[in-house]
Amino acid sequence: MENEEEKLYIDLDQKSLRTPREFLNELIVSENNSIMARCKETYTDQNLTSLQCQRQKLRSFDDIYILFKTYFPEITEKEVTHLLITFNKKITERELEPYIRLYRCKDILRPTFYYSSAGIYFDKIFYDKEDDDYYDLLNSKYDWKDLLANLNINNEEELIEYIDKYRGKDLSEI
């Protein structure tokens, strides 16, 4: 599905490249003990001179997947989806949980993702595509509903159960 040549880079401690979960922990940042955690700035070149997106922006699955493929070429969409929804970002004493939103970023017109202390949240993920032309306006290769279906998650209840059951576990452990 992805273009083999597309790559995105972040400034990171190379020790963070041991596992995808450690990489995600490095990728997701929170400013000033915020209730939200979003992605670090991303670049289109390895020298980190050509900014692709600023720090603390909501990010699409498209970009997050490209980032993972840059550093972990063998990773799959299914693995990244699992990792995103079962990962908790701890900021001081608070744990931030997945905040999946089919909110279109006005600049890239893609569904976005971040972490929040407001708890697990998902907006319009399980929708009927035929009944909602909102989704026709998205400029994404991916659809949260289809990505979650790859994990046998087909409704909100199954999503919450999956997160509760597999939080912190890698796909290979289940």
C-alpha atoms as a PDB file:
ATOM      1  CA  MET A   1       0.000   0.000   0.000  1.00  0.00           C
ATOM      2  CA  GLU A   2       2.772   2.411   0.804  1.00  0.00           C
ATOM      3  CA  ASN A   3       5.275   3.923  -1.561  1.00  0.00           C
ATOM      4  CA  GLU A   4       8.624   2.203  -0.871  1.00  0.00           C
ATOM      5  CA  GLU A   5      10.483   5.499  -1.309  1.00  0.00           C
ATOM      6  CA  GLU A   6       8.463   7.527   1.178  1.00  0.00           C
ATOM      7  CA  LYS A   7      10.406   8.099   4.365  1.00  0.00           C
ATOM      8  CA  LEU A   8      10.071  10.405   7.336  1.00  0.00           C
ATOM      9  CA  TYR A   9      12.632  11.010  10.061  1.00  0.00           C
ATOM     10  CA  ILE A  10      12.732  12.319  13.607  1.00  0.00           C
ATOM     11  CA  ASP A  11      15.537  13.464  15.858  1.00  0.00           C
ATOM     12  CA  LEU A  12      15.934  10.634  18.320  1.00  0.00           C
ATOM     13  CA  ASP A  13      18.284   8.804  20.578  1.00  0.00           C
ATOM     14  CA  GLN A  14      19.423   5.750  18.576  1.00  0.00           C
ATOM     15  CA  LYS A  15      18.851   3.569  21.658  1.00  0.00           C
ATOM     16  CA  SER A  16      15.131   4.147  21.025  1.00  0.00           C
ATOM     17  CA  LEU A  17      15.323   1.981  17.946  1.00  0.00           C
ATOM     18  CA  ARG A  18      15.447  -1.338  19.785  1.00  0.00           C
ATOM     19  CA  THR A  19      11.710  -1.994  19.581  1.00  0.00           C
ATOM     20  CA  PRO A  20       8.741  -0.309  17.908  1.00  0.00           C
ATOM     21  CA  ARG A  21       7.183   0.354  21.342  1.00  0.00           C
ATOM     22  CA  GLU A  22      10.327   2.197  22.509  1.00  0.00           C
ATOM     23  CA  PHE A  23      10.330   4.124  19.238  1.00  0.00           C
ATOM     24  CA  LEU A  24       6.704   5.168  19.795  1.00  0.00           C
ATOM     25  CA  ASN A  25       7.565   6.350  23.282  1.00  0.00           C
ATOM     26  CA  GLU A  26      10.286   8.546  21.768  1.00  0.00           C
ATOM     27  CA  LEU A  27       8.003   9.767  18.953  1.00  0.00           C
ATOM     28  CA  ILE A  28       5.135  10.883  21.186  1.00  0.00           C
ATOM     29  CA  VAL A  29       5.902  13.956  23.282  1.00  0.00           C
ATOM     30  CA  SER A  30       4.034  16.204  25.683  1.00  0.00           C
ATOM     31  CA  GLU A  31       4.875  19.840  26.298  1.00  0.00           C
ATOM     32  CA  ASN A  32       4.765  21.385  29.763  1.00  0.00           C
ATOM     33  CA  ASN A  33       3.079  18.401  31.402  1.00  0.00           C
ATOM     34  CA  SER A  34       0.144  18.798  29.022  1.00  0.00           C
ATOM     35  CA  ILE A  35      -2.936  16.584  29.054  1.00  0.00           C
ATOM     36  CA  MET A  36      -2.134  15.698  25.435  1.00  0.00           C
ATOM     37  CA  ALA A  37       0.779  14.010  23.748  1.00  0.00           C
ATOM     38  CA  ARG A  38       1.429  14.394  20.054  1.00  0.00           C
ATOM     39  CA  CYS A  39       4.283  13.673  17.663  1.00  0.00           C
ATOM     40  CA  LYS A  40       7.736  15.176  17.525  1.00  0.00           C
ATOM     41  CA  GLU A  41       8.617  17.254  14.501  1.00  0.00           C
ATOM     42  CA  THR A  42       9.225  15.163  11.388  1.00  0.00           C
ATOM     43  CA  TYR A  43      11.568  15.674   8.471  1.00  0.00           C
ATOM     44  CA  THR A  44      11.772  14.408   4.921  1.00  0.00           C
ATOM     45  CA  ASP A  45      15.567  14.009   5.036  1.00  0.00           C
ATOM     46  CA  GLN A  46      17.978  12.108   7.295  1.00  0.00           C
ATOM     47  CA  ASN A  47      19.907  15.293   8.082  1.00  0.00           C
ATOM     48  CA  LEU A  48      16.750  16.747   9.652  1.00  0.00           C
ATOM     49  CA  THR A  49      16.887  19.961   7.650  1.00  0.00           C
ATOM     50  CA  SER A  50      13.656  19.732   5.651  1.00  0.00           C
ATOM     51  CA  LEU A  51      10.722  20.012   8.054  1.00  0.00           C
ATOM     52  CA  GLN A  52       7.696  17.927   7.081  1.00  0.00           C
ATOM     53  CA  CYS A  53       5.520  18.752  10.117  1.00  0.00           C
ATOM     54  CA  GLN A  54       6.020  20.760  13.311  1.00  0.00           C
ATOM     55  CA  ARG A  55       6.237  19.422  16.845  1.00  0.00           C
ATOM     56  CA  GLN A  56       3.017  18.764  18.810  1.00  0.00           C
ATOM     57  CA  LYS A  57       0.775  18.420  15.772  1.00  0.00           C
ATOM     58  CA  LEU A  58      -1.959  15.817  15.412  1.00  0.00           C
ATOM     59  CA  ARG A  59      -0.678  13.108  13.101  1.00  0.00           C
ATOM     60  CA  SER A  60      -2.358  10.812  10.633  1.00  0.00           C
ATOM     61  CA  PHE A  61      -1.948   7.067  10.494  1.00  0.00           C
ATOM     62  CA  ASP A  62      -0.387   7.643   7.066  1.00  0.00           C
ATOM     63  CA  ASP A  63       2.527   9.619   8.513  1.00  0.00           C
ATOM     64  CA  ILE A  64       2.885   7.460  11.614  1.00  0.00           C
ATOM     65  CA  TYR A  65       3.077   4.336   9.463  1.00  0.00           C
ATOM     66  CA  ILE A  66       5.683   5.915   7.165  1.00  0.00           C
ATOM     67  CA  LEU A  67       7.748   6.809  10.242  1.00  0.00           C
ATOM     68  CA  PHE A  68       7.626   3.246  11.521  1.00  0.00           C
ATOM     69  CA  LYS A  69       8.495   1.851   8.070  1.00  0.00           C
ATOM     70  CA  THR A  70      11.491   4.190   7.901  1.00  0.00           C
ATOM     71  CA  TYR A  71      12.974   2.777  11.101  1.00  0.00           C
ATOM     72  CA  PHE A  72      11.411  -0.717  11.104  1.00  0.00           C
ATOM     73  CA  PRO A  73      11.048  -1.725   7.420  1.00  0.00           C
ATOM     74  CA  GLU A  74       9.407  -5.083   8.202  1.00  0.00           C
ATOM     75  CA  ILE A  75       6.603  -3.664  10.374  1.00  0.00           C
ATOM     76  CA  THR A  76       3.033  -4.082   9.118  1.00  0.00           C
ATOM     77  CA  GLU A  77      -0.044  -1.844   9.231  1.00  0.00           C
ATOM     78  CA  LYS A  78      -1.629  -4.345  11.611  1.00  0.00           C
ATOM     79  CA  GLU A  79       1.330  -4.147  14.011  1.00  0.00           C
ATOM     80  CA  VAL A  80       1.349  -0.333  13.994  1.00  0.00           C
ATOM     81  CA  THR A  81      -2.413  -0.194  14.564  1.00  0.00           C
ATOM     82  CA  HIS A  82      -2.103  -2.616  17.495  1.00  0.00           C
ATOM     83  CA  LEU A  83       0.798  -0.660  18.941  1.00  0.00           C
ATOM     84  CA  LEU A  84      -0.988   2.693  18.701  1.00  0.00           C
ATOM     85  CA  ILE A  85      -4.143   1.542  20.441  1.00  0.00           C
ATOM     86  CA  THR A  86      -2.441  -0.510  23.178  1.00  0.00           C
ATOM     87  CA  PHE A  87       0.246   2.027  24.061  1.00  0.00           C
ATOM     88  CA  ASN A  88      -0.039   4.329  27.064  1.00  0.00           C
ATOM     89  CA  LYS A  89       2.134   7.392  27.240  1.00  0.00           C
ATOM     90  CA  LYS A  90       3.039   8.182  30.819  1.00  0.00           C
ATOM     91  CA  ILE A  91       3.613  11.859  31.592  1.00  0.00           C
ATOM     92  CA  THR A  92       4.770  12.333  35.176  1.00  0.00           C
ATOM     93  CA  GLU A  93       2.008  10.639  37.210  1.00  0.00           C
ATOM     94  CA  ARG A  94      -0.628  10.643  34.461  1.00  0.00           C
ATOM     95  CA  GLU A  95      -1.135   8.005  31.840  1.00  0.00           C
ATOM     96  CA  LEU A  96      -2.350   9.236  28.492  1.00  0.00           C
ATOM     97  CA  GLU A  97      -4.532   6.939  26.422  1.00  0.00           C
ATOM     98  CA  PRO A  98      -5.374   6.635  22.711  1.00  0.00           C
ATOM     99  CA  TYR A  99      -7.501   9.411  21.290  1.00  0.00           C
ATOM    100  CA  ILE A 100      -8.498   8.253  17.832  1.00  0.00           C
ATOM    101  CA  ARG A 101     -10.379  10.817  15.856  1.00  0.00           C
ATOM    102  CA  LEU A 102     -11.741  10.945  12.382  1.00  0.00           C
ATOM    103  CA  TYR A 103     -11.142  14.636  12.513  1.00  0.00           C
ATOM    104  CA  ARG A 104      -9.693  15.970   9.310  1.00  0.00           C
ATOM    105  CA  CYS A 105      -6.593  18.016   9.746  1.00  0.00           C
ATOM    106  CA  LYS A 106      -7.408  21.073   7.651  1.00  0.00           C
ATOM    107  CA  ASP A 107      -3.985  21.001   6.021  1.00  0.00           C
ATOM    108  CA  ILE A 108      -3.687  17.341   5.080  1.00  0.00           C
ATOM    109  CA  LEU A 109      -7.336  16.172   5.191  1.00  0.00           C
ATOM    110  CA  ARG A 110      -6.489  12.966   7.035  1.00  0.00           C
ATOM    111  CA  PRO A 111      -7.874  11.287  10.141  1.00  0.00           C
ATOM    112  CA  THR A 112      -5.664  12.073  13.112  1.00  0.00           C
ATOM    113  CA  PHE A 113      -4.377  10.383  16.236  1.00  0.00           C
ATOM    114  CA  TYR A 114      -2.890  11.451  19.560  1.00  0.00           C
ATOM    115  CA  TYR A 115      -2.880  10.576  23.269  1.00  0.00           C
ATOM    116  CA  SER A 116      -4.882  12.301  25.993  1.00  0.00           C
ATOM    117  CA  SER A 117      -5.516  12.080  29.726  1.00  0.00           C
ATOM    118  CA  ALA A 118      -9.226  12.424  28.953  1.00  0.00           C
ATOM    119  CA  GLY A 119      -9.368   8.645  28.492  1.00  0.00           C
ATOM    120  CA  ILE A 120      -9.927   6.431  25.496  1.00  0.00           C
ATOM    121  CA  TYR A 121     -11.824   8.308  22.835  1.00  0.00           C
ATOM    122  CA  PHE A 122     -12.860   7.494  19.323  1.00  0.00           C
ATOM    123  CA  ASP A 123     -14.957   9.629  17.052  1.00  0.00           C
ATOM    124  CA  LYS A 124     -16.862   8.307  14.062  1.00  0.00           C
ATOM    125  CA  ILE A 125     -14.578   5.309  13.576  1.00  0.00           C
ATOM    126  CA  PHE A 126     -17.332   2.764  13.062  1.00  0.00           C
ATOM    127  CA  TYR A 127     -19.434   4.550  10.480  1.00  0.00           C
ATOM    128  CA  ASP A 128     -21.328   3.572   7.361  1.00  0.00           C
ATOM    129  CA  LYS A 129     -19.279   4.948   4.471  1.00  0.00           C
ATOM    130  CA  GLU A 130     -22.280   4.985   2.158  1.00  0.00           C
ATOM    131  CA  ASP A 131     -24.269   7.197   4.530  1.00  0.00           C
ATOM    132  CA  ASP A 132     -21.619   9.774   5.292  1.00  0.00           C
ATOM    133  CA  ASP A 133     -19.954  11.854   2.577  1.00  0.00           C
ATOM    134  CA  TYR A 134     -17.663  13.437   5.199  1.00  0.00           C
ATOM    135  CA  TYR A 135     -15.245  10.573   4.505  1.00  0.00           C
ATOM    136  CA  ASP A 136     -15.192  11.224   0.776  1.00  0.00           C
ATOM    137  CA  LEU A 137     -13.190  14.343   1.573  1.00  0.00           C
ATOM    138  CA  LEU A 138     -10.371  12.485   3.298  1.00  0.00           C
ATOM    139  CA  ASN A 139      -6.986  12.359   1.633  1.00  0.00           C
ATOM    140  CA  SER A 140      -5.765   9.195   3.341  1.00  0.00           C
ATOM    141  CA  LYS A 141      -4.626   5.793   2.176  1.00  0.00           C
ATOM    142  CA  TYR A 142      -6.064   4.393   5.392  1.00  0.00           C
ATOM    143  CA  ASP A 143      -9.354   4.126   7.183  1.00  0.00           C
ATOM    144  CA  TRP A 144      -9.532   3.495  10.947  1.00  0.00           C
ATOM    145  CA  LYS A 145     -12.504   1.172  10.509  1.00  0.00           C
ATOM    146  CA  ASP A 146     -10.558  -1.066   8.112  1.00  0.00           C
ATOM    147  CA  LEU A 147      -7.331  -0.908  10.150  1.00  0.00           C
ATOM    148  CA  LEU A 148      -9.191  -1.984  13.292  1.00  0.00           C
ATOM    149  CA  ALA A 149     -11.022  -4.747  11.413  1.00  0.00           C
ATOM    150  CA  ASN A 150      -7.570  -6.257  10.722  1.00  0.00           C
ATOM    151  CA  LEU A 151      -7.400  -6.799  14.504  1.00  0.00           C
ATOM    152  CA  ASN A 152     -10.952  -8.239  14.534  1.00  0.00           C
ATOM    153  CA  ILE A 153     -12.289  -5.044  16.086  1.00  0.00           C
ATOM    154  CA  ASN A 154     -15.603  -4.113  14.485  1.00  0.00           C
ATOM    155  CA  ASN A 155     -17.353  -1.883  16.999  1.00  0.00           C
ATOM    156  CA  GLU A 156     -16.740   0.416  19.950  1.00  0.00           C
ATOM    157  CA  GLU A 157     -17.238  -2.307  22.578  1.00  0.00           C
ATOM    158  CA  GLU A 158     -14.684  -4.595  20.899  1.00  0.00           C
ATOM    159  CA  LEU A 159     -12.220  -1.693  20.699  1.00  0.00           C
ATOM    160  CA  ILE A 160     -12.447  -0.976  24.436  1.00  0.00           C
ATOM    161  CA  GLU A 161     -12.185  -4.702  25.270  1.00  0.00           C
ATOM    162  CA  TYR A 162      -9.129  -5.065  23.010  1.00  0.00           C
ATOM    163  CA  ILE A 163      -7.369  -2.085  24.571  1.00  0.00           C
ATOM    164  CA  ASP A 164      -8.086  -3.315  28.099  1.00  0.00           C
ATOM    165  CA  LYS A 165      -6.990  -6.865  27.323  1.00  0.00           C
ATOM    166  CA  TYR A 166      -3.822  -6.153  25.320  1.00  0.00           C
ATOM    167  CA  ARG A 167      -2.566  -2.842  26.709  1.00  0.00           C
ATOM    168  CA  GLY A 168       1.221  -2.875  26.793  1.00  0.00           C
ATOM    169  CA  LYS A 169       1.544  -6.194  24.948  1.00  0.00           C
ATOM    170  CA  ASP A 170       3.133  -6.612  21.549  1.00  0.00           C
ATOM    171  CA  LEU A 171       1.149  -8.295  18.788  1.00  0.00           C
ATOM    172  CA  SER A 172       3.527 -11.274  18.926  1.00  0.00           C
ATOM    173  CA  GLU A 173       2.505 -11.852  22.567  1.00  0.00           C
ATOM    174  CA  ILE A 174      -1.182 -12.374  21.831  1.00  0.00           C
END
